[in-house]
Amino acid sequence: MQTLDTRLTRLEQAQPLEEGLTIIRRLIAPGRLDAEIDFIEDGEGREWTRQPGEAEAAFIDRAASEAAGNSWGVKRLIGRTLETRHA
């Protein structure tokens, strides 16, 4: 995973974005390809949990708007179901 992060960092440095970008990695369980995410973390200690009745798209928008981007405006989030959070 560090190789991918290193490559993304190099790409961001080579061509900075004029507008922010949010990258969400979806971690899924085998046989649950259609499961909606209900937990998001940013790798920096911030976490978001989907509220009852909140649509998945609204949840993602909320987490992305509250997350801090790096110096290039890129936000890297990891989304998963709560059942895969402790797996």
PDB file of N, CA and C in Angstrom:
ATOM      1  N   MET A   1       0.819  -1.184   0.000  1.00  0.00           N
ATOM      2  CA  MET A   1       0.000   0.000   0.000  1.00  0.00           C
ATOM      3  C   MET A   1       0.867   1.254   0.000  1.00  0.00           C
ATOM      4  N   GLN A   2       2.047   1.173   0.617  1.00  0.00           N
ATOM      5  CA  GLN A   2       2.920   2.342   0.638  1.00  0.00           C
ATOM      6  C   GLN A   2       3.361   2.724  -0.764  1.00  0.00           C
ATOM      7  N   THR A   3       3.543   1.748  -1.627  1.00  0.00           N
ATOM      8  CA  THR A   3       3.948   2.048  -2.995  1.00  0.00           C
ATOM      9  C   THR A   3       2.887   2.889  -3.691  1.00  0.00           C
ATOM     10  N   LEU A   4       1.625   2.544  -3.511  1.00  0.00           N
ATOM     11  CA  LEU A   4       0.536   3.304  -4.120  1.00  0.00           C
ATOM     12  C   LEU A   4       0.492   4.724  -3.558  1.00  0.00           C
ATOM     13  N   ASP A   5       0.620   4.850  -2.238  1.00  0.00           N
ATOM     14  CA  ASP A   5       0.633   6.179  -1.621  1.00  0.00           C
ATOM     15  C   ASP A   5       1.804   7.008  -2.128  1.00  0.00           C
ATOM     16  N   THR A   6       2.953   6.382  -2.275  1.00  0.00           N
ATOM     17  CA  THR A   6       4.136   7.087  -2.779  1.00  0.00           C
ATOM     18  C   THR A   6       3.902   7.555  -4.207  1.00  0.00           C
ATOM     19  N   ARG A   7       3.320   6.691  -5.027  1.00  0.00           N
ATOM     20  CA  ARG A   7       3.046   7.070  -6.418  1.00  0.00           C
ATOM     21  C   ARG A   7       2.039   8.213  -6.492  1.00  0.00           C
ATOM     22  N   LEU A   8       0.987   8.157  -5.665  1.00  0.00           N
ATOM     23  CA  LEU A   8       0.004   9.244  -5.656  1.00  0.00           C
ATOM     24  C   LEU A   8       0.646  10.556  -5.227  1.00  0.00           C
ATOM     25  N   THR A   9       1.494  10.495  -4.230  1.00  0.00           N
ATOM     26  CA  THR A   9       2.174  11.705  -3.763  1.00  0.00           C
ATOM     27  C   THR A   9       3.029  12.300  -4.864  1.00  0.00           C
ATOM     28  N   ARG A  10       3.756  11.466  -5.585  1.00  0.00           N
ATOM     29  CA  ARG A  10       4.595  11.953  -6.694  1.00  0.00           C
ATOM     30  C   ARG A  10       3.751  12.583  -7.791  1.00  0.00           C
ATOM     31  N   LEU A  11       2.635  11.944  -8.114  1.00  0.00           N
ATOM     32  CA  LEU A  11       1.754  12.496  -9.149  1.00  0.00           C
ATOM     33  C   LEU A  11       1.177  13.837  -8.714  1.00  0.00           C
ATOM     34  N   GLU A  12       0.779  13.939  -7.462  1.00  0.00           N
ATOM     35  CA  GLU A  12       0.226  15.196  -6.962  1.00  0.00           C
ATOM     36  C   GLU A  12       1.270  16.309  -6.993  1.00  0.00           C
ATOM     37  N   GLN A  13       2.507  15.977  -6.699  1.00  0.00           N
ATOM     38  CA  GLN A  13       3.561  16.974  -6.710  1.00  0.00           C
ATOM     39  C   GLN A  13       3.908  17.397  -8.134  1.00  0.00           C
ATOM     40  N   ALA A  14       3.828  16.464  -9.064  1.00  0.00           N
ATOM     41  CA  ALA A  14       4.173  16.762 -10.451  1.00  0.00           C
ATOM     42  C   ALA A  14       3.135  17.670 -11.103  1.00  0.00           C
ATOM     43  N   GLN A  15       1.891  17.485 -10.755  1.00  0.00           N
ATOM     44  CA  GLN A  15       0.826  18.273 -11.362  1.00  0.00           C
ATOM     45  C   GLN A  15      -0.217  18.609 -10.301  1.00  0.00           C
ATOM     46  N   PRO A  16      -0.003  19.684  -9.572  1.00  0.00           N
ATOM     47  CA  PRO A  16      -0.961  20.042  -8.523  1.00  0.00           C
ATOM     48  C   PRO A  16      -2.331  20.384  -9.101  1.00  0.00           C
ATOM     49  N   LEU A  17      -3.352  20.111  -8.322  1.00  0.00           N
ATOM     50  CA  LEU A  17      -4.724  20.363  -8.750  1.00  0.00           C
ATOM     51  C   LEU A  17      -5.126  21.800  -8.439  1.00  0.00           C
ATOM     52  N   GLU A  18      -5.907  22.384  -9.331  1.00  0.00           N
ATOM     53  CA  GLU A  18      -6.433  23.715  -9.074  1.00  0.00           C
ATOM     54  C   GLU A  18      -7.615  23.635  -8.124  1.00  0.00           C
ATOM     55  N   GLU A  19      -8.347  22.550  -8.198  1.00  0.00           N
ATOM     56  CA  GLU A  19      -9.475  22.334  -7.309  1.00  0.00           C
ATOM     57  C   GLU A  19      -9.183  21.084  -6.492  1.00  0.00           C
ATOM     58  N   GLY A  20      -9.849  20.958  -5.357  1.00  0.00           N
ATOM     59  CA  GLY A  20      -9.654  19.792  -4.508  1.00  0.00           C
ATOM     60  C   GLY A  20     -10.148  18.517  -5.163  1.00  0.00           C
ATOM     61  N   LEU A  21      -9.647  17.413  -4.693  1.00  0.00           N
ATOM     62  CA  LEU A  21     -10.027  16.098  -5.191  1.00  0.00           C
ATOM     63  C   LEU A  21     -10.205  15.187  -3.990  1.00  0.00           C
ATOM     64  N   THR A  22     -11.248  14.379  -4.000  1.00  0.00           N
ATOM     65  CA  THR A  22     -11.470  13.416  -2.934  1.00  0.00           C
ATOM     66  C   THR A  22     -11.372  12.015  -3.519  1.00  0.00           C
ATOM     67  N   ILE A  23     -10.513  11.210  -2.921  1.00  0.00           N
ATOM     68  CA  ILE A  23     -10.341   9.811  -3.315  1.00  0.00           C
ATOM     69  C   ILE A  23     -10.901   8.959  -2.184  1.00  0.00           C
ATOM     70  N   ILE A  24     -11.854   8.099  -2.501  1.00  0.00           N
ATOM     71  CA  ILE A  24     -12.425   7.213  -1.495  1.00  0.00           C
ATOM     72  C   ILE A  24     -12.156   5.775  -1.905  1.00  0.00           C
ATOM     73  N   ARG A  25     -11.435   5.075  -1.057  1.00  0.00           N
ATOM     74  CA  ARG A  25     -11.190   3.639  -1.268  1.00  0.00           C
ATOM     75  C   ARG A  25     -12.288   2.889  -0.533  1.00  0.00           C
ATOM     76  N   ARG A  26     -12.973   2.022  -1.251  1.00  0.00           N
ATOM     77  CA  ARG A  26     -14.042   1.217  -0.649  1.00  0.00           C
ATOM     78  C   ARG A  26     -13.495  -0.156  -0.315  1.00  0.00           C
ATOM     79  N   LEU A  27     -13.517  -0.507   0.947  1.00  0.00           N
ATOM     80  CA  LEU A  27     -13.114  -1.843   1.374  1.00  0.00           C
ATOM     81  C   LEU A  27     -14.386  -2.666   1.522  1.00  0.00           C
ATOM     82  N   ILE A  28     -14.402  -3.801   0.862  1.00  0.00           N
ATOM     83  CA  ILE A  28     -15.612  -4.624   0.857  1.00  0.00           C
ATOM     84  C   ILE A  28     -15.285  -6.043   1.295  1.00  0.00           C
ATOM     85  N   ALA A  29     -16.295  -6.739   1.764  1.00  0.00           N
ATOM     86  CA  ALA A  29     -16.152  -8.128   2.176  1.00  0.00           C
ATOM     87  C   ALA A  29     -16.507  -9.029   0.997  1.00  0.00           C
ATOM     88  N   PRO A  30     -15.903 -10.198   0.927  1.00  0.00           N
ATOM     89  CA  PRO A  30     -16.253 -11.141  -0.139  1.00  0.00           C
ATOM     90  C   PRO A  30     -17.754 -11.435  -0.118  1.00  0.00           C
ATOM     91  N   GLY A  31     -18.352 -11.422  -1.291  1.00  0.00           N
ATOM     92  CA  GLY A  31     -19.777 -11.685  -1.408  1.00  0.00           C
ATOM     93  C   GLY A  31     -20.656 -10.506  -1.052  1.00  0.00           C
ATOM     94  N   ARG A  32     -20.058  -9.361  -0.734  1.00  0.00           N
ATOM     95  CA  ARG A  32     -20.820  -8.165  -0.356  1.00  0.00           C
ATOM     96  C   ARG A  32     -20.460  -6.997  -1.251  1.00  0.00           C
ATOM     97  N   LEU A  33     -20.325  -7.235  -2.538  1.00  0.00           N
ATOM     98  CA  LEU A  33     -19.898  -6.198  -3.471  1.00  0.00           C
ATOM     99  C   LEU A  33     -20.864  -5.023  -3.547  1.00  0.00           C
ATOM    100  N   ASP A  34     -22.132  -5.256  -3.212  1.00  0.00           N
ATOM    101  CA  ASP A  34     -23.126  -4.197  -3.311  1.00  0.00           C
ATOM    102  C   ASP A  34     -23.397  -3.496  -1.979  1.00  0.00           C
ATOM    103  N   ALA A  35     -22.667  -3.847  -0.926  1.00  0.00           N
ATOM    104  CA  ALA A  35     -22.898  -3.253   0.392  1.00  0.00           C
ATOM    105  C   ALA A  35     -22.547  -1.764   0.384  1.00  0.00           C
ATOM    106  N   GLU A  36     -23.401  -0.969   0.993  1.00  0.00           N
ATOM    107  CA  GLU A  36     -23.141   0.468   1.103  1.00  0.00           C
ATOM    108  C   GLU A  36     -22.225   0.724   2.288  1.00  0.00           C
ATOM    109  N   ILE A  37     -21.379   1.733   2.163  1.00  0.00           N
ATOM    110  CA  ILE A  37     -20.470   2.043   3.255  1.00  0.00           C
ATOM    111  C   ILE A  37     -21.204   2.824   4.342  1.00  0.00           C
ATOM    112  N   ASP A  38     -20.818   2.566   5.580  1.00  0.00           N
ATOM    113  CA  ASP A  38     -21.416   3.297   6.689  1.00  0.00           C
ATOM    114  C   ASP A  38     -20.361   3.764   7.691  1.00  0.00           C
ATOM    115  N   PHE A  39     -19.103   3.676   7.295  1.00  0.00           N
ATOM    116  CA  PHE A  39     -18.005   4.153   8.134  1.00  0.00           C
ATOM    117  C   PHE A  39     -16.906   4.674   7.217  1.00  0.00           C
ATOM    118  N   ILE A  40     -16.366   5.838   7.525  1.00  0.00           N
ATOM    119  CA  ILE A  40     -15.277   6.432   6.736  1.00  0.00           C
ATOM    120  C   ILE A  40     -14.202   6.922   7.695  1.00  0.00           C
ATOM    121  N   GLU A  41     -12.945   6.718   7.325  1.00  0.00           N
ATOM    122  CA  GLU A  41     -11.827   7.254   8.094  1.00  0.00           C
ATOM    123  C   GLU A  41     -10.847   7.903   7.129  1.00  0.00           C
ATOM    124  N   ASP A  42     -10.032   8.807   7.667  1.00  0.00           N
ATOM    125  CA  ASP A  42      -9.104   9.523   6.786  1.00  0.00           C
ATOM    126  C   ASP A  42      -7.641   9.137   6.979  1.00  0.00           C
ATOM    127  N   GLY A  43      -7.354   8.186   7.858  1.00  0.00           N
ATOM    128  CA  GLY A  43      -5.975   7.780   8.083  1.00  0.00           C
ATOM    129  C   GLY A  43      -5.209   8.724   8.992  1.00  0.00           C
ATOM    130  N   GLU A  44      -5.845   9.820   9.373  1.00  0.00           N
ATOM    131  CA  GLU A  44      -5.223  10.811  10.253  1.00  0.00           C
ATOM    132  C   GLU A  44      -5.919  10.834  11.615  1.00  0.00           C
ATOM    133  N   GLY A  45      -6.781   9.850  11.852  1.00  0.00           N
ATOM    134  CA  GLY A  45      -7.467   9.759  13.129  1.00  0.00           C
ATOM    135  C   GLY A  45      -8.900  10.244  13.141  1.00  0.00           C
ATOM    136  N   ARG A  46      -9.347  10.854  12.043  1.00  0.00           N
ATOM    137  CA  ARG A  46     -10.743  11.304  11.980  1.00  0.00           C
ATOM    138  C   ARG A  46     -11.607  10.194  11.422  1.00  0.00           C
ATOM    139  N   GLU A  47     -12.806  10.041  12.001  1.00  0.00           N
ATOM    140  CA  GLU A  47     -13.736   9.000  11.584  1.00  0.00           C
ATOM    141  C   GLU A  47     -15.148   9.574  11.481  1.00  0.00           C
ATOM    142  N   TRP A  48     -15.917   9.020  10.567  1.00  0.00           N
ATOM    143  CA  TRP A  48     -17.310   9.408  10.385  1.00  0.00           C
ATOM    144  C   TRP A  48     -18.154   8.144  10.348  1.00  0.00           C
ATOM    145  N   THR A  49     -19.313   8.193  11.004  1.00  0.00           N
ATOM    146  CA  THR A  49     -20.256   7.082  10.993  1.00  0.00           C
ATOM    147  C   THR A  49     -21.552   7.577  10.383  1.00  0.00           C
ATOM    148  N   ARG A  50     -22.107   6.780   9.522  1.00  0.00           N
ATOM    149  CA  ARG A  50     -23.352   7.134   8.841  1.00  0.00           C
ATOM    150  C   ARG A  50     -24.501   7.204   9.843  1.00  0.00           C
ATOM    151  N   GLN A  51     -25.285   8.234   9.742  1.00  0.00           N
ATOM    152  CA  GLN A  51     -26.427   8.445  10.631  1.00  0.00           C
ATOM    153  C   GLN A  51     -27.634   7.640  10.139  1.00  0.00           C
ATOM    154  N   PRO A  52     -28.509   7.226  11.060  1.00  0.00           N
ATOM    155  CA  PRO A  52     -29.715   6.492  10.645  1.00  0.00           C
ATOM    156  C   PRO A  52     -30.520   7.321   9.636  1.00  0.00           C
ATOM    157  N   GLY A  53     -30.906   6.689   8.548  1.00  0.00           N
ATOM    158  CA  GLY A  53     -31.700   7.357   7.518  1.00  0.00           C
ATOM    159  C   GLY A  53     -30.891   8.209   6.551  1.00  0.00           C
ATOM    160  N   GLU A  54     -29.590   8.336   6.762  1.00  0.00           N
ATOM    161  CA  GLU A  54     -28.743   9.155   5.882  1.00  0.00           C
ATOM    162  C   GLU A  54     -28.389   8.352   4.626  1.00  0.00           C
ATOM    163  N   ALA A  55     -28.618   8.931   3.475  1.00  0.00           N
ATOM    164  CA  ALA A  55     -28.277   8.272   2.213  1.00  0.00           C
ATOM    165  C   ALA A  55     -26.759   8.140   2.105  1.00  0.00           C
ATOM    166  N   GLU A  56     -26.311   7.102   1.420  1.00  0.00           N
ATOM    167  CA  GLU A  56     -24.872   6.882   1.285  1.00  0.00           C
ATOM    168  C   GLU A  56     -24.182   8.073   0.627  1.00  0.00           C
ATOM    169  N   ALA A  57     -24.767   8.620  -0.413  1.00  0.00           N
ATOM    170  CA  ALA A  57     -24.164   9.768  -1.106  1.00  0.00           C
ATOM    171  C   ALA A  57     -24.058  10.982  -0.183  1.00  0.00           C
ATOM    172  N   ALA A  58     -25.099  11.222   0.617  1.00  0.00           N
ATOM    173  CA  ALA A  58     -25.066  12.341   1.563  1.00  0.00           C
ATOM    174  C   ALA A  58     -24.002  12.115   2.628  1.00  0.00           C
ATOM    175  N   PHE A  59     -23.857  10.875   3.065  1.00  0.00           N
ATOM    176  CA  PHE A  59     -22.832  10.532   4.055  1.00  0.00           C
ATOM    177  C   PHE A  59     -21.433  10.791   3.504  1.00  0.00           C
ATOM    178  N   ILE A  60     -21.194  10.354   2.278  1.00  0.00           N
ATOM    179  CA  ILE A  60     -19.889  10.563   1.642  1.00  0.00           C
ATOM    180  C   ILE A  60     -19.617  12.058   1.480  1.00  0.00           C
ATOM    181  N   ASP A  61     -20.614  12.805   1.040  1.00  0.00           N
ATOM    182  CA  ASP A  61     -20.462  14.257   0.889  1.00  0.00           C
ATOM    183  C   ASP A  61     -20.138  14.922   2.225  1.00  0.00           C
ATOM    184  N   ARG A  62     -20.800  14.476   3.287  1.00  0.00           N
ATOM    185  CA  ARG A  62     -20.559  15.060   4.615  1.00  0.00           C
ATOM    186  C   ARG A  62     -19.130  14.800   5.069  1.00  0.00           C
ATOM    187  N   ALA A  63     -18.685  13.550   4.944  1.00  0.00           N
ATOM    188  CA  ALA A  63     -17.322  13.215   5.361  1.00  0.00           C
ATOM    189  C   ALA A  63     -16.292  13.961   4.515  1.00  0.00           C
ATOM    190  N   ALA A  64     -16.521  14.024   3.209  1.00  0.00           N
ATOM    191  CA  ALA A  64     -15.575  14.705   2.315  1.00  0.00           C
ATOM    192  C   ALA A  64     -15.504  16.195   2.612  1.00  0.00           C
ATOM    193  N   SER A  65     -16.630  16.794   2.971  1.00  0.00           N
ATOM    194  CA  SER A  65     -16.622  18.228   3.253  1.00  0.00           C
ATOM    195  C   SER A  65     -15.934  18.543   4.585  1.00  0.00           C
ATOM    196  N   GLU A  66     -15.957  17.598   5.517  1.00  0.00           N
ATOM    197  CA  GLU A  66     -15.333  17.810   6.821  1.00  0.00           C
ATOM    198  C   GLU A  66     -13.867  17.381   6.862  1.00  0.00           C
ATOM    199  N   ALA A  67     -13.461  16.545   5.924  1.00  0.00           N
ATOM    200  CA  ALA A  67     -12.080  16.047   5.907  1.00  0.00           C
ATOM    201  C   ALA A  67     -11.118  17.138   5.451  1.00  0.00           C
ATOM    202  N   ALA A  68      -9.916  17.054   5.963  1.00  0.00           N
ATOM    203  CA  ALA A  68      -8.875  18.005   5.559  1.00  0.00           C
ATOM    204  C   ALA A  68      -8.081  17.423   4.394  1.00  0.00           C
ATOM    205  N   GLY A  69      -7.780  18.237   3.431  1.00  0.00           N
ATOM    206  CA  GLY A  69      -6.968  17.800   2.303  1.00  0.00           C
ATOM    207  C   GLY A  69      -5.497  18.033   2.582  1.00  0.00           C
ATOM    208  N   ASN A  70      -4.662  17.425   1.767  1.00  0.00           N
ATOM    209  CA  ASN A  70      -3.228  17.667   1.908  1.00  0.00           C
ATOM    210  C   ASN A  70      -2.887  19.022   1.286  1.00  0.00           C
ATOM    211  N   SER A  71      -1.617  19.322   1.173  1.00  0.00           N
ATOM    212  CA  SER A  71      -1.217  20.633   0.654  1.00  0.00           C
ATOM    213  C   SER A  71      -1.670  20.858  -0.784  1.00  0.00           C
ATOM    214  N   TRP A  72      -2.045  19.812  -1.484  1.00  0.00           N
ATOM    215  CA  TRP A  72      -2.513  19.928  -2.872  1.00  0.00           C
ATOM    216  C   TRP A  72      -4.024  19.886  -2.961  1.00  0.00           C
ATOM    217  N   GLY A  73      -4.688  19.812  -1.819  1.00  0.00           N
ATOM    218  CA  GLY A  73      -6.152  19.792  -1.815  1.00  0.00           C
ATOM    219  C   GLY A  73      -6.747  18.418  -2.014  1.00  0.00           C
ATOM    220  N   VAL A  74      -5.940  17.372  -1.914  1.00  0.00           N
ATOM    221  CA  VAL A  74      -6.423  16.006  -2.120  1.00  0.00           C
ATOM    222  C   VAL A  74      -6.808  15.398  -0.777  1.00  0.00           C
ATOM    223  N   LYS A  75      -8.011  14.832  -0.723  1.00  0.00           N
ATOM    224  CA  LYS A  75      -8.497  14.142   0.474  1.00  0.00           C
ATOM    225  C   LYS A  75      -8.534  12.651   0.164  1.00  0.00           C
ATOM    226  N   ARG A  76      -7.897  11.860   1.012  1.00  0.00           N
ATOM    227  CA  ARG A  76      -7.886  10.403   0.833  1.00  0.00           C
ATOM    228  C   ARG A  76      -8.665   9.769   1.968  1.00  0.00           C
ATOM    229  N   LEU A  77      -9.792   9.172   1.635  1.00  0.00           N
ATOM    230  CA  LEU A  77     -10.662   8.570   2.632  1.00  0.00           C
ATOM    231  C   LEU A  77     -10.808   7.078   2.374  1.00  0.00           C
ATOM    232  N   ILE A  78     -11.085   6.333   3.437  1.00  0.00           N
ATOM    233  CA  ILE A  78     -11.317   4.898   3.334  1.00  0.00           C
ATOM    234  C   ILE A  78     -12.721   4.632   3.838  1.00  0.00           C
ATOM    235  N   GLY A  79     -13.555   4.075   2.969  1.00  0.00           N
ATOM    236  CA  GLY A  79     -14.928   3.771   3.325  1.00  0.00           C
ATOM    237  C   GLY A  79     -15.140   2.278   3.426  1.00  0.00           C
ATOM    238  N   ARG A  80     -15.952   1.880   4.404  1.00  0.00           N
ATOM    239  CA  ARG A  80     -16.229   0.453   4.600  1.00  0.00           C
ATOM    240  C   ARG A  80     -17.537   0.276   5.340  1.00  0.00           C
ATOM    241  N   THR A  81     -17.972  -0.959   5.434  1.00  0.00           N
ATOM    242  CA  THR A  81     -19.120  -1.257   6.273  1.00  0.00           C
ATOM    243  C   THR A  81     -18.618  -1.432   7.693  1.00  0.00           C
ATOM    244  N   LEU A  82     -19.476  -1.217   8.646  1.00  0.00           N
ATOM    245  CA  LEU A  82     -19.053  -1.379  10.042  1.00  0.00           C
ATOM    246  C   LEU A  82     -18.611  -2.810  10.326  1.00  0.00           C
ATOM    247  N   GLU A  83     -19.204  -3.769   9.634  1.00  0.00           N
ATOM    248  CA  GLU A  83     -18.811  -5.164   9.863  1.00  0.00           C
ATOM    249  C   GLU A  83     -17.386  -5.445   9.409  1.00  0.00           C
ATOM    250  N   THR A  84     -16.873  -4.714   8.432  1.00  0.00           N
ATOM    251  CA  THR A  84     -15.493  -4.926   7.985  1.00  0.00           C
ATOM    252  C   THR A  84     -14.507  -4.029   8.736  1.00  0.00           C
ATOM    253  N   ARG A  85     -15.016  -3.142   9.560  1.00  0.00           N
ATOM    254  CA  ARG A  85     -14.137  -2.226  10.302  1.00  0.00           C
ATOM    255  C   ARG A  85     -13.228  -2.987  11.261  1.00  0.00           C
ATOM    256  N   HIS A  86     -13.734  -4.012  11.897  1.00  0.00           N
ATOM    257  CA  HIS A  86     -12.960  -4.753  12.882  1.00  0.00           C
ATOM    258  C   HIS A  86     -12.485  -6.103  12.367  1.00  0.00           C
ATOM    259  N   ALA A  87     -12.618  -6.309  11.078  1.00  0.00           N
ATOM    260  CA  ALA A  87     -12.222  -7.602  10.498  1.00  0.00           C
ATOM    261  C   ALA A  87     -10.727  -7.684  10.312  1.00  0.00           C
TER     262      ALA A  87
END
